Structures are given as structure tokens and as C-alpha cells.
């Protein structure tokens, strides 16, 4: 049975092993940014290719651009329905949107199967990192090479290039194991990846 979402608390070990994205989101509610929540919601849609026909892919891309400040609120509202008129709805609060797309509202708990929950949990960890440990990103690591690699991976969703980004950061003096291991690890990765965001100055 799923744990209730309200008042969620977690330890570092529980976060690392968690497979219930709703509980993780409840824990993060006051610990992350609206952009991060929106990026999680966008990444969630990419788990199911059946959701992303040409029209729906465009809607998701508008939401991603809005999260990065590249689309206006009018564009967002023109492509998403605010309310209950259809399947594609976008609650105004990013926290509730993130919960909605993960299928983990308390009243809709049975709609998520365990495999999907685990995938969503991995995505959330890719976006947030370890909320119990902050990484101090040395300005000297922000080389032109590192930034160009991060920008290309972000724009093209070319996550196979992240080990090359790790090499560039290491060449610039980065010895942080959390950063390097994340980039060289198996993923999954998505837009909003906590290390790529650090390189690009996003939050």
C-alpha cells in the first residue's frame, strides 16, 4: 500500500532507494524549484511513446520551453487545457502538475504500476540529485568546452555525450565523485539533469 503524500519525510538512504515518486515529490515540495518540477513532469511524458504523437509532442515541448523561460504563459495556455475538459490538463501549480503526470495523486494511487514508479523515481533523482548534500560547483569548471558539451546534450537530448562532459569537467579540475559518476553512469538522464543544470547555470 502506498504511503500518504502529506507530511512526507525521508532519510538520505530512503531517498536513494525510493520507488514511490509521489512520496518523493511530497518530500521535495518546499525543497526544489518550479522549473525542476515542470521538467520532471515533461520527462514523465517521454516514458510512454504512445502519449507523444506529433500534436502532443508539441504540447510537451511548449511546456519544456515555458519551464526554461522560452515560451510565454499565453503560449502555454493556448496548448494546454486548464480544467477538466480533456486528458491534457495543466494545473497552475507545478507541484500538482508533477503529481498528476506521475499518476500519484492520493485519490488515484492504483493507477501507477511498480515498473513505472521505479522509472519515475530514477528520473526524479536525475533531476534533483541528492537533496541531502549540496555540490559546490567551482567556477573554474565552467570552461567553454564543458558548457558547449552541456548545451548540445541538453538541446539534442544527447545523453550519450555526458561521459564526454565528465571528461571535460575532470580536465578542468573537477574531482567531485558525485558529479563525475552521475555523468558516467547508466542514467536515465533528461532535461533538468542536476549536473547539466549546474554547468548551464539553471536551477
N, C-alpha and C. Protein backbone atom coordinates (compact mmCIF):
# COMPACT_ATOMS: atom_id res chain seq x y z
N UNK A 1 0.85 -1.20 0.00
CA UNK A 1 0.00 0.00 0.00
C UNK A 1 0.88 1.24 0.00
N UNK A 2 0.47 2.24 -0.75
CA UNK A 2 1.26 3.46 -0.85
C UNK A 2 1.17 4.29 0.43
N UNK A 3 2.27 4.96 0.73
CA UNK A 3 2.26 5.88 1.86
C UNK A 3 1.53 7.14 1.46
N UNK A 4 0.94 7.81 2.43
CA UNK A 4 0.24 9.06 2.16
C UNK A 4 1.25 10.13 1.77
N UNK A 5 0.80 11.07 0.96
CA UNK A 5 1.71 12.08 0.44
C UNK A 5 1.95 13.23 1.40
N UNK A 6 0.97 13.54 2.23
CA UNK A 6 1.11 14.71 3.09
C UNK A 6 2.09 14.42 4.21
N UNK A 7 2.91 15.41 4.52
CA UNK A 7 3.82 15.29 5.64
C UNK A 7 4.94 14.28 5.42
N UNK A 8 5.31 14.03 4.16
CA UNK A 8 6.34 13.04 3.88
C UNK A 8 7.69 13.50 4.40
N UNK A 9 8.42 12.59 5.01
CA UNK A 9 9.79 12.86 5.41
C UNK A 9 10.63 11.68 4.96
N UNK A 10 11.89 11.94 4.67
CA UNK A 10 12.76 10.89 4.17
C UNK A 10 14.16 11.06 4.73
N UNK A 11 14.87 9.95 4.82
CA UNK A 11 16.29 10.00 5.12
C UNK A 11 17.06 9.92 3.79
N UNK A 12 18.35 10.16 3.86
CA UNK A 12 19.17 10.09 2.64
C UNK A 12 19.11 8.69 2.03
N UNK A 13 19.16 7.66 2.88
CA UNK A 13 19.11 6.29 2.37
C UNK A 13 17.76 5.99 1.74
N UNK A 14 16.68 6.49 2.34
CA UNK A 14 15.35 6.28 1.77
C UNK A 14 15.21 6.97 0.42
N UNK A 15 15.76 8.16 0.30
CA UNK A 15 15.71 8.88 -0.98
C UNK A 15 16.43 8.07 -2.07
N UNK A 16 17.59 7.54 -1.76
CA UNK A 16 18.38 6.81 -2.75
C UNK A 16 17.69 5.54 -3.21
N UNK A 17 16.87 4.95 -2.34
CA UNK A 17 16.23 3.67 -2.66
C UNK A 17 14.75 3.82 -3.01
N UNK A 18 14.22 5.01 -2.94
CA UNK A 18 12.77 5.22 -3.08
C UNK A 18 12.26 4.80 -4.45
N UNK A 19 11.06 4.23 -4.46
CA UNK A 19 10.40 3.84 -5.71
C UNK A 19 8.97 4.38 -5.76
N UNK A 20 8.64 5.32 -4.89
CA UNK A 20 7.33 5.95 -4.90
C UNK A 20 7.49 7.43 -5.21
N UNK A 21 7.33 7.83 -6.46
CA UNK A 21 7.56 9.22 -6.84
C UNK A 21 6.65 10.21 -6.13
N UNK A 22 5.44 9.79 -5.78
CA UNK A 22 4.55 10.69 -5.07
C UNK A 22 5.09 11.08 -3.72
N UNK A 23 5.64 10.12 -3.00
CA UNK A 23 6.24 10.40 -1.69
C UNK A 23 7.48 11.27 -1.85
N UNK A 24 8.27 10.99 -2.87
CA UNK A 24 9.47 11.80 -3.13
C UNK A 24 9.09 13.24 -3.44
N UNK A 25 8.03 13.43 -4.24
CA UNK A 25 7.58 14.78 -4.58
C UNK A 25 7.08 15.51 -3.35
N UNK A 26 6.36 14.79 -2.49
CA UNK A 26 5.86 15.42 -1.27
C UNK A 26 7.02 15.88 -0.39
N UNK A 27 8.06 15.06 -0.32
CA UNK A 27 9.25 15.44 0.44
C UNK A 27 9.93 16.67 -0.15
N UNK A 28 9.90 16.77 -1.49
CA UNK A 28 10.59 17.87 -2.18
C UNK A 28 9.78 19.16 -2.22
N UNK A 29 8.56 19.13 -1.80
CA UNK A 29 7.63 20.22 -2.08
C UNK A 29 8.21 21.61 -1.81
N UNK A 30 8.89 21.79 -0.70
CA UNK A 30 9.47 23.09 -0.37
C UNK A 30 11.00 23.08 -0.51
N UNK A 31 11.51 22.11 -1.23
CA UNK A 31 12.96 21.95 -1.33
C UNK A 31 13.49 22.06 -2.75
N UNK A 32 12.64 22.39 -3.71
CA UNK A 32 13.09 22.48 -5.09
C UNK A 32 12.39 23.62 -5.80
N UNK A 33 12.71 23.81 -7.05
CA UNK A 33 12.17 24.94 -7.80
C UNK A 33 11.00 24.52 -8.68
N UNK A 34 10.20 25.50 -9.09
CA UNK A 34 9.10 25.22 -10.01
C UNK A 34 9.64 24.64 -11.32
N UNK A 35 10.77 25.15 -11.79
CA UNK A 35 11.32 24.63 -13.04
C UNK A 35 11.64 23.15 -12.93
N UNK A 36 12.26 22.75 -11.83
CA UNK A 36 12.60 21.34 -11.65
C UNK A 36 11.35 20.47 -11.68
N UNK A 37 10.29 20.93 -11.03
CA UNK A 37 9.04 20.17 -11.03
C UNK A 37 8.46 20.08 -12.43
N UNK A 38 8.52 21.18 -13.16
CA UNK A 38 8.00 21.17 -14.53
C UNK A 38 8.83 20.23 -15.41
N UNK A 39 10.14 20.24 -15.23
CA UNK A 39 10.99 19.36 -16.02
C UNK A 39 10.71 17.89 -15.71
N UNK A 40 10.42 17.59 -14.47
CA UNK A 40 10.04 16.22 -14.12
C UNK A 40 8.75 15.83 -14.82
N UNK A 41 7.78 16.74 -14.80
CA UNK A 41 6.51 16.45 -15.46
C UNK A 41 6.71 16.21 -16.95
N UNK A 42 7.52 17.05 -17.58
CA UNK A 42 7.79 16.89 -19.02
C UNK A 42 8.47 15.55 -19.28
N UNK A 43 9.49 15.23 -18.49
CA UNK A 43 10.22 13.97 -18.68
C UNK A 43 9.32 12.76 -18.49
N UNK A 44 8.33 12.90 -17.62
CA UNK A 44 7.42 11.78 -17.36
C UNK A 44 6.67 11.37 -18.60
N UNK A 45 6.29 12.34 -19.42
CA UNK A 45 5.55 12.02 -20.63
C UNK A 45 6.39 11.20 -21.61
N UNK A 46 7.70 11.40 -21.59
CA UNK A 46 8.57 10.68 -22.53
C UNK A 46 8.72 9.21 -22.18
N UNK A 47 8.23 8.79 -21.01
CA UNK A 47 8.28 7.38 -20.65
C UNK A 47 7.36 6.54 -21.52
N UNK A 48 6.29 7.16 -22.03
CA UNK A 48 5.30 6.43 -22.82
C UNK A 48 5.22 7.03 -24.21
N UNK A 49 5.89 6.43 -25.20
CA UNK A 49 5.87 6.97 -26.56
C UNK A 49 4.46 7.09 -27.13
N UNK A 50 3.52 6.29 -26.62
CA UNK A 50 2.15 6.34 -27.13
C UNK A 50 1.48 7.67 -26.82
N UNK A 51 1.99 8.38 -25.81
CA UNK A 51 1.41 9.68 -25.47
C UNK A 51 1.90 10.78 -26.40
N UNK A 52 2.97 10.50 -27.13
CA UNK A 52 3.65 11.57 -27.85
C UNK A 52 3.50 11.45 -29.36
N UNK A 53 2.26 11.59 -29.84
CA UNK A 53 2.09 11.78 -31.27
C UNK A 53 2.55 13.21 -31.59
N UNK A 54 2.48 13.60 -32.82
CA UNK A 54 3.06 14.90 -33.22
C UNK A 54 2.45 16.06 -32.45
N UNK A 55 1.11 16.06 -32.30
CA UNK A 55 0.44 17.17 -31.62
C UNK A 55 0.80 17.21 -30.14
N UNK A 56 0.79 16.05 -29.50
CA UNK A 56 1.08 16.02 -28.07
C UNK A 56 2.55 16.29 -27.78
N UNK A 57 3.43 15.84 -28.68
CA UNK A 57 4.85 16.16 -28.51
C UNK A 57 5.06 17.67 -28.54
N UNK A 58 4.34 18.35 -29.41
CA UNK A 58 4.46 19.80 -29.48
C UNK A 58 4.01 20.43 -28.17
N UNK A 59 2.91 19.93 -27.60
CA UNK A 59 2.43 20.47 -26.32
C UNK A 59 3.48 20.29 -25.22
N UNK A 60 4.08 19.12 -25.19
CA UNK A 60 5.10 18.86 -24.18
C UNK A 60 6.31 19.76 -24.39
N UNK A 61 6.68 19.98 -25.64
CA UNK A 61 7.82 20.86 -25.93
C UNK A 61 7.52 22.30 -25.52
N UNK A 62 6.28 22.74 -25.70
CA UNK A 62 5.89 24.08 -25.24
C UNK A 62 6.06 24.17 -23.73
N UNK A 63 5.63 23.13 -23.03
CA UNK A 63 5.77 23.12 -21.57
C UNK A 63 7.24 23.16 -21.16
N UNK A 64 8.09 22.44 -21.89
CA UNK A 64 9.52 22.46 -21.59
C UNK A 64 10.12 23.84 -21.84
N UNK A 65 9.73 24.46 -22.94
CA UNK A 65 10.24 25.81 -23.24
C UNK A 65 9.75 26.81 -22.19
N UNK A 66 8.52 26.64 -21.75
CA UNK A 66 7.99 27.53 -20.72
C UNK A 66 8.80 27.39 -19.43
N UNK A 67 9.15 26.17 -19.07
CA UNK A 67 9.94 25.94 -17.87
C UNK A 67 11.28 26.65 -17.94
N UNK A 68 11.83 26.76 -19.16
CA UNK A 68 13.12 27.43 -19.34
C UNK A 68 12.98 28.91 -19.68
N UNK A 69 11.76 29.44 -19.61
CA UNK A 69 11.54 30.85 -19.88
C UNK A 69 11.57 31.20 -21.35
N UNK A 70 11.37 30.20 -22.22
CA UNK A 70 11.45 30.42 -23.66
C UNK A 70 10.08 30.42 -24.33
N UNK A 71 9.03 30.23 -23.57
CA UNK A 71 7.66 30.32 -24.08
C UNK A 71 6.85 31.15 -23.10
N UNK A 72 5.86 31.85 -23.60
CA UNK A 72 5.06 32.72 -22.74
C UNK A 72 3.93 31.93 -22.09
N UNK A 73 3.35 32.52 -21.07
CA UNK A 73 2.20 31.89 -20.43
C UNK A 73 1.04 31.76 -21.40
N UNK A 74 0.90 32.72 -22.30
CA UNK A 74 -0.17 32.65 -23.31
C UNK A 74 0.03 31.45 -24.23
N UNK A 75 1.27 31.19 -24.63
CA UNK A 75 1.55 30.02 -25.46
C UNK A 75 1.23 28.73 -24.71
N UNK A 76 1.59 28.72 -23.44
CA UNK A 76 1.32 27.54 -22.62
C UNK A 76 -0.18 27.27 -22.54
N UNK A 77 -0.93 28.32 -22.22
CA UNK A 77 -2.37 28.16 -22.06
C UNK A 77 -3.06 27.83 -23.38
N UNK A 78 -2.49 28.29 -24.49
CA UNK A 78 -3.09 28.01 -25.80
C UNK A 78 -2.96 26.53 -26.17
N UNK A 79 -1.97 25.86 -25.60
CA UNK A 79 -1.72 24.47 -25.97
C UNK A 79 -2.14 23.47 -24.91
N UNK A 80 -2.48 23.96 -23.72
CA UNK A 80 -2.91 23.07 -22.64
C UNK A 80 -4.25 23.54 -22.12
N UNK A 81 -5.05 22.60 -21.68
CA UNK A 81 -6.38 22.89 -21.14
C UNK A 81 -6.29 23.00 -19.63
N UNK A 82 -6.71 24.13 -19.08
CA UNK A 82 -6.76 24.30 -17.62
C UNK A 82 -8.16 23.90 -17.16
N UNK A 83 -8.29 22.73 -16.60
CA UNK A 83 -9.60 22.29 -16.16
C UNK A 83 -9.80 20.82 -16.45
N UNK A 84 -11.04 20.42 -16.64
CA UNK A 84 -11.36 19.00 -16.77
C UNK A 84 -11.98 18.68 -18.12
N UNK A 85 -11.70 19.49 -19.14
CA UNK A 85 -12.35 19.27 -20.43
C UNK A 85 -11.71 18.15 -21.24
N UNK A 86 -10.52 17.76 -20.90
CA UNK A 86 -9.86 16.72 -21.70
C UNK A 86 -8.71 16.10 -20.94
N UNK A 87 -8.05 15.19 -21.62
CA UNK A 87 -6.95 14.46 -20.99
C UNK A 87 -5.77 15.37 -20.71
N UNK A 88 -5.52 16.32 -21.60
CA UNK A 88 -4.35 17.18 -21.46
C UNK A 88 -4.69 18.39 -20.61
N UNK A 89 -4.47 18.27 -19.32
CA UNK A 89 -4.73 19.36 -18.40
C UNK A 89 -3.44 19.78 -17.73
N UNK A 90 -3.36 21.03 -17.33
CA UNK A 90 -2.14 21.54 -16.71
C UNK A 90 -2.51 22.39 -15.50
N UNK A 91 -2.54 21.80 -14.31
CA UNK A 91 -2.79 22.59 -13.11
C UNK A 91 -1.81 23.75 -13.01
N UNK A 92 -2.25 24.82 -12.43
CA UNK A 92 -1.42 26.02 -12.40
C UNK A 92 -0.19 25.86 -11.49
N UNK A 93 -0.30 25.04 -10.45
CA UNK A 93 0.83 24.86 -9.56
C UNK A 93 1.70 23.71 -10.05
N UNK A 94 2.98 23.96 -10.31
CA UNK A 94 3.85 22.90 -10.84
C UNK A 94 3.89 21.66 -9.96
N UNK A 95 3.80 21.83 -8.64
CA UNK A 95 3.82 20.66 -7.75
C UNK A 95 2.68 19.71 -8.08
N UNK A 96 1.48 20.26 -8.25
CA UNK A 96 0.33 19.41 -8.54
C UNK A 96 0.42 18.83 -9.95
N UNK A 97 1.01 19.57 -10.87
CA UNK A 97 1.21 19.05 -12.23
C UNK A 97 2.15 17.85 -12.18
N UNK A 98 3.24 17.98 -11.43
CA UNK A 98 4.19 16.88 -11.32
C UNK A 98 3.51 15.65 -10.73
N UNK A 99 2.70 15.84 -9.70
CA UNK A 99 1.98 14.72 -9.12
C UNK A 99 1.01 14.12 -10.12
N UNK A 100 0.34 14.97 -10.88
CA UNK A 100 -0.67 14.49 -11.82
C UNK A 100 -0.05 13.58 -12.87
N UNK A 101 1.03 14.02 -13.49
CA UNK A 101 1.58 13.22 -14.58
C UNK A 101 2.26 11.96 -14.07
N UNK A 102 2.68 11.95 -12.82
CA UNK A 102 3.26 10.72 -12.28
C UNK A 102 2.16 9.76 -11.85
N UNK A 103 0.90 10.20 -11.90
CA UNK A 103 -0.22 9.34 -11.56
C UNK A 103 -0.32 9.06 -10.08
N UNK A 104 0.21 9.97 -9.27
CA UNK A 104 0.33 9.66 -7.86
C UNK A 104 -0.47 10.58 -6.95
N UNK A 105 -1.58 11.12 -7.42
CA UNK A 105 -2.49 11.76 -6.50
C UNK A 105 -3.01 10.71 -5.53
N UNK A 106 -3.28 11.11 -4.31
CA UNK A 106 -3.76 10.16 -3.31
C UNK A 106 -5.01 9.45 -3.80
N UNK A 107 -5.89 10.16 -4.48
CA UNK A 107 -7.13 9.56 -4.94
C UNK A 107 -6.96 8.70 -6.17
N UNK A 108 -5.76 8.64 -6.72
CA UNK A 108 -5.55 7.90 -7.96
C UNK A 108 -4.34 6.98 -7.84
N UNK A 109 -4.10 6.49 -6.62
CA UNK A 109 -2.86 5.78 -6.33
C UNK A 109 -2.72 4.48 -7.12
N UNK A 110 -3.82 3.80 -7.39
CA UNK A 110 -3.73 2.49 -8.02
C UNK A 110 -3.39 2.56 -9.50
N UNK A 111 -3.34 3.77 -10.06
CA UNK A 111 -3.10 3.90 -11.50
C UNK A 111 -1.63 3.72 -11.87
N UNK A 112 -0.73 3.75 -10.91
CA UNK A 112 0.71 3.60 -11.20
C UNK A 112 1.16 2.18 -10.93
N UNK A 113 1.77 1.54 -11.88
CA UNK A 113 2.33 0.22 -11.59
C UNK A 113 3.77 0.39 -11.11
N UNK A 114 4.31 -0.69 -10.56
CA UNK A 114 5.61 -0.58 -9.90
C UNK A 114 6.74 -0.27 -10.86
N UNK A 115 6.67 -0.81 -12.06
CA UNK A 115 7.73 -0.56 -13.04
C UNK A 115 7.78 0.92 -13.39
N UNK A 116 6.62 1.51 -13.65
CA UNK A 116 6.57 2.92 -13.99
C UNK A 116 7.01 3.77 -12.81
N UNK A 117 6.60 3.40 -11.60
CA UNK A 117 7.02 4.13 -10.40
C UNK A 117 8.54 4.16 -10.30
N UNK A 118 9.17 3.02 -10.52
CA UNK A 118 10.63 2.96 -10.41
C UNK A 118 11.28 3.86 -11.45
N UNK A 119 10.76 3.86 -12.67
CA UNK A 119 11.31 4.71 -13.73
C UNK A 119 11.17 6.18 -13.38
N UNK A 120 10.00 6.56 -12.87
CA UNK A 120 9.77 7.95 -12.48
C UNK A 120 10.69 8.36 -11.34
N UNK A 121 10.92 7.44 -10.41
CA UNK A 121 11.80 7.73 -9.28
C UNK A 121 13.23 7.98 -9.74
N UNK A 122 13.69 7.18 -10.71
CA UNK A 122 15.04 7.39 -11.26
C UNK A 122 15.13 8.75 -11.96
N UNK A 123 14.09 9.11 -12.69
CA UNK A 123 14.08 10.41 -13.37
C UNK A 123 14.14 11.54 -12.35
N UNK A 124 13.38 11.40 -11.27
CA UNK A 124 13.37 12.45 -10.25
C UNK A 124 14.74 12.60 -9.61
N UNK A 125 15.43 11.49 -9.37
CA UNK A 125 16.78 11.58 -8.82
C UNK A 125 17.75 12.19 -9.82
N UNK A 126 17.54 11.95 -11.11
CA UNK A 126 18.39 12.58 -12.13
C UNK A 126 18.22 14.09 -12.10
N UNK A 127 17.01 14.56 -11.88
CA UNK A 127 16.73 15.99 -11.90
C UNK A 127 17.14 16.68 -10.60
N UNK A 128 16.92 16.02 -9.49
CA UNK A 128 17.16 16.64 -8.18
C UNK A 128 18.56 16.37 -7.67
N UNK A 129 19.09 15.19 -7.96
CA UNK A 129 20.35 14.80 -7.35
C UNK A 129 20.11 14.32 -5.93
N UNK A 130 21.04 14.58 -5.06
CA UNK A 130 20.91 14.21 -3.65
C UNK A 130 20.53 15.46 -2.86
N UNK A 131 19.26 15.56 -2.42
CA UNK A 131 18.83 16.78 -1.71
C UNK A 131 19.45 16.92 -0.33
N UNK A 132 20.17 15.91 0.12
CA UNK A 132 20.79 15.96 1.44
C UNK A 132 22.23 16.46 1.37
N UNK A 133 22.78 16.58 0.15
CA UNK A 133 24.16 17.03 0.00
C UNK A 133 24.25 18.01 -1.15
N UNK A 134 24.71 19.19 -0.88
CA UNK A 134 24.85 20.18 -1.93
C UNK A 134 26.24 20.07 -2.56
N UNK A 135 26.29 20.33 -3.85
CA UNK A 135 27.56 20.30 -4.58
C UNK A 135 27.98 21.74 -4.86
N UNK A 136 29.18 22.09 -4.43
CA UNK A 136 29.73 23.41 -4.72
C UNK A 136 30.44 23.32 -6.07
N UNK A 137 29.86 23.99 -7.07
CA UNK A 137 30.39 23.91 -8.43
C UNK A 137 31.41 25.02 -8.63
N UNK A 138 32.66 24.64 -8.69
CA UNK A 138 33.75 25.61 -8.83
C UNK A 138 33.64 26.35 -10.17
N UNK A 139 33.71 27.68 -10.16
CA UNK A 139 33.63 28.45 -11.41
C UNK A 139 34.68 28.04 -12.44
N UNK A 140 35.81 27.52 -11.99
CA UNK A 140 36.86 27.12 -12.94
C UNK A 140 36.45 25.92 -13.78
N UNK A 141 35.42 25.21 -13.36
CA UNK A 141 34.94 24.07 -14.15
C UNK A 141 34.10 24.51 -15.34
N UNK A 142 33.64 25.77 -15.31
CA UNK A 142 32.78 26.29 -16.38
C UNK A 142 33.62 26.71 -17.59
N UNK A 143 34.27 25.76 -18.20
CA UNK A 143 35.06 26.08 -19.39
C UNK A 143 34.13 26.16 -20.61
N UNK A 144 34.63 26.77 -21.67
CA UNK A 144 33.85 26.85 -22.90
C UNK A 144 33.51 25.45 -23.43
N UNK A 145 34.47 24.54 -23.29
CA UNK A 145 34.24 23.17 -23.77
C UNK A 145 33.13 22.49 -22.98
N UNK A 146 33.19 22.61 -21.65
CA UNK A 146 32.17 21.98 -20.81
C UNK A 146 30.80 22.55 -21.10
N UNK A 147 30.74 23.87 -21.22
CA UNK A 147 29.44 24.49 -21.47
C UNK A 147 28.88 24.10 -22.84
N UNK A 148 29.71 24.07 -23.86
CA UNK A 148 29.22 23.72 -25.19
C UNK A 148 28.74 22.27 -25.22
N UNK A 149 29.43 21.38 -24.53
CA UNK A 149 29.01 19.99 -24.46
C UNK A 149 27.68 19.86 -23.73
N UNK A 150 27.54 20.60 -22.63
CA UNK A 150 26.29 20.55 -21.86
C UNK A 150 25.13 21.11 -22.66
N UNK A 151 25.38 22.22 -23.36
CA UNK A 151 24.32 22.83 -24.18
C UNK A 151 23.86 21.88 -25.28
N UNK A 152 24.82 21.23 -25.94
CA UNK A 152 24.47 20.31 -27.03
C UNK A 152 23.69 19.11 -26.51
N UNK A 153 24.12 18.56 -25.39
CA UNK A 153 23.41 17.42 -24.81
C UNK A 153 22.00 17.81 -24.41
N UNK A 154 21.86 19.00 -23.85
CA UNK A 154 20.56 19.48 -23.39
C UNK A 154 19.62 19.70 -24.57
N UNK A 155 20.08 20.41 -25.58
CA UNK A 155 19.22 20.76 -26.72
C UNK A 155 18.84 19.53 -27.54
N UNK A 156 19.78 18.62 -27.72
CA UNK A 156 19.55 17.44 -28.57
C UNK A 156 19.07 16.22 -27.79
N UNK A 157 18.99 16.36 -26.48
CA UNK A 157 18.72 15.20 -25.61
C UNK A 157 19.71 14.07 -25.91
N UNK A 158 20.94 14.46 -26.13
CA UNK A 158 22.01 13.51 -26.49
C UNK A 158 22.75 13.09 -25.22
N UNK A 159 22.09 12.29 -24.41
CA UNK A 159 22.64 11.95 -23.10
C UNK A 159 23.82 11.00 -23.20
N UNK A 160 24.01 10.38 -24.36
CA UNK A 160 25.18 9.53 -24.55
C UNK A 160 26.48 10.34 -24.56
N UNK A 161 26.35 11.67 -24.66
CA UNK A 161 27.54 12.52 -24.66
C UNK A 161 27.98 12.92 -23.25
N UNK A 162 27.21 12.56 -22.25
CA UNK A 162 27.53 13.03 -20.89
C UNK A 162 28.86 12.50 -20.37
N UNK A 163 29.28 11.28 -20.70
CA UNK A 163 30.63 10.87 -20.27
C UNK A 163 31.72 11.78 -20.84
N UNK A 164 31.50 12.32 -22.03
CA UNK A 164 32.47 13.26 -22.60
C UNK A 164 32.47 14.56 -21.80
N UNK A 165 31.28 14.97 -21.34
CA UNK A 165 31.19 16.14 -20.47
C UNK A 165 31.94 15.88 -19.17
N UNK A 166 31.83 14.67 -18.64
CA UNK A 166 32.56 14.32 -17.42
C UNK A 166 34.06 14.46 -17.64
N UNK A 167 34.53 14.01 -18.79
CA UNK A 167 35.96 14.14 -19.10
C UNK A 167 36.38 15.61 -19.16
N UNK A 168 35.52 16.45 -19.75
CA UNK A 168 35.84 17.87 -19.86
C UNK A 168 35.89 18.53 -18.49
N UNK A 169 34.96 18.15 -17.62
CA UNK A 169 34.96 18.71 -16.27
C UNK A 169 36.18 18.24 -15.49
N UNK A 170 36.54 16.99 -15.68
CA UNK A 170 37.72 16.46 -15.00
C UNK A 170 38.98 17.17 -15.49
N UNK A 171 39.05 17.43 -16.78
CA UNK A 171 40.19 18.17 -17.34
C UNK A 171 40.27 19.58 -16.76
N UNK A 172 39.10 20.12 -16.37
CA UNK A 172 39.06 21.48 -15.80
C UNK A 172 39.34 21.49 -14.31
N UNK A 173 39.56 20.30 -13.73
CA UNK A 173 39.91 20.23 -12.32
C UNK A 173 38.85 19.65 -11.42
N UNK A 174 37.71 19.24 -11.97
CA UNK A 174 36.65 18.67 -11.14
C UNK A 174 37.04 17.28 -10.67
N UNK A 175 36.99 17.08 -9.35
CA UNK A 175 37.26 15.77 -8.77
C UNK A 175 36.08 15.27 -7.95
N UNK A 176 34.95 15.95 -8.08
CA UNK A 176 33.77 15.58 -7.31
C UNK A 176 33.20 14.26 -7.84
N UNK A 177 33.22 13.23 -7.02
CA UNK A 177 32.79 11.91 -7.46
C UNK A 177 31.31 11.87 -7.79
N UNK A 178 30.50 12.61 -7.05
CA UNK A 178 29.06 12.61 -7.32
C UNK A 178 28.78 13.15 -8.71
N UNK A 179 29.48 14.22 -9.08
CA UNK A 179 29.30 14.83 -10.40
C UNK A 179 29.77 13.89 -11.50
N UNK A 180 31.00 13.41 -11.38
CA UNK A 180 31.59 12.59 -12.43
C UNK A 180 30.89 11.25 -12.58
N UNK A 181 30.56 10.62 -11.45
CA UNK A 181 29.89 9.32 -11.51
C UNK A 181 28.50 9.44 -12.10
N UNK A 182 27.82 10.54 -11.81
CA UNK A 182 26.48 10.71 -12.36
C UNK A 182 26.53 10.82 -13.88
N UNK A 183 27.47 11.60 -14.38
CA UNK A 183 27.59 11.77 -15.83
C UNK A 183 28.04 10.50 -16.53
N UNK A 184 28.81 9.69 -15.85
CA UNK A 184 29.33 8.45 -16.46
C UNK A 184 28.45 7.24 -16.17
N UNK A 185 27.43 7.45 -15.37
CA UNK A 185 26.56 6.34 -15.00
C UNK A 185 25.56 6.01 -16.09
N UNK A 186 24.75 4.97 -15.86
CA UNK A 186 23.82 4.48 -16.89
C UNK A 186 22.57 5.33 -17.06
N UNK A 187 22.36 6.31 -16.19
CA UNK A 187 21.14 7.13 -16.30
C UNK A 187 19.99 6.49 -15.56
N UNK A 188 18.76 6.84 -15.93
CA UNK A 188 18.39 7.66 -17.09
C UNK A 188 18.73 9.14 -16.88
N UNK A 189 18.80 9.87 -18.00
CA UNK A 189 19.01 11.31 -17.96
C UNK A 189 17.90 12.00 -18.74
N UNK A 190 17.66 13.24 -18.40
CA UNK A 190 16.63 14.02 -19.09
C UNK A 190 16.97 15.50 -18.94
N UNK A 191 16.23 16.33 -19.63
CA UNK A 191 16.39 17.77 -19.43
C UNK A 191 16.04 18.09 -17.98
N UNK A 192 16.93 18.82 -17.34
CA UNK A 192 16.76 19.07 -15.92
C UNK A 192 17.77 18.31 -15.09
N UNK A 193 18.54 17.40 -15.73
CA UNK A 193 19.60 16.66 -15.05
C UNK A 193 20.40 17.61 -14.17
N UNK A 194 20.58 17.25 -12.91
CA UNK A 194 21.14 18.20 -11.94
C UNK A 194 22.56 18.63 -12.29
N UNK A 195 23.37 17.75 -12.87
CA UNK A 195 24.74 18.14 -13.22
C UNK A 195 24.75 19.04 -14.44
N UNK A 196 24.00 18.68 -15.47
CA UNK A 196 23.93 19.52 -16.67
C UNK A 196 23.40 20.90 -16.30
N UNK A 197 22.40 20.95 -15.42
CA UNK A 197 21.88 22.23 -14.97
C UNK A 197 22.95 23.06 -14.27
N UNK A 198 23.78 22.42 -13.46
CA UNK A 198 24.86 23.15 -12.79
C UNK A 198 25.82 23.77 -13.80
N UNK A 199 26.15 23.01 -14.83
CA UNK A 199 27.07 23.53 -15.86
C UNK A 199 26.44 24.71 -16.59
N UNK A 200 25.12 24.61 -16.84
CA UNK A 200 24.42 25.65 -17.61
C UNK A 200 23.90 26.78 -16.74
N UNK A 201 24.07 26.67 -15.44
CA UNK A 201 23.60 27.73 -14.55
C UNK A 201 22.10 27.76 -14.38
N UNK A 202 21.44 26.62 -14.54
CA UNK A 202 19.99 26.53 -14.38
C UNK A 202 19.66 26.00 -13.00
N UNK A 203 18.46 26.32 -12.53
CA UNK A 203 18.04 25.83 -11.21
C UNK A 203 16.59 25.41 -11.24
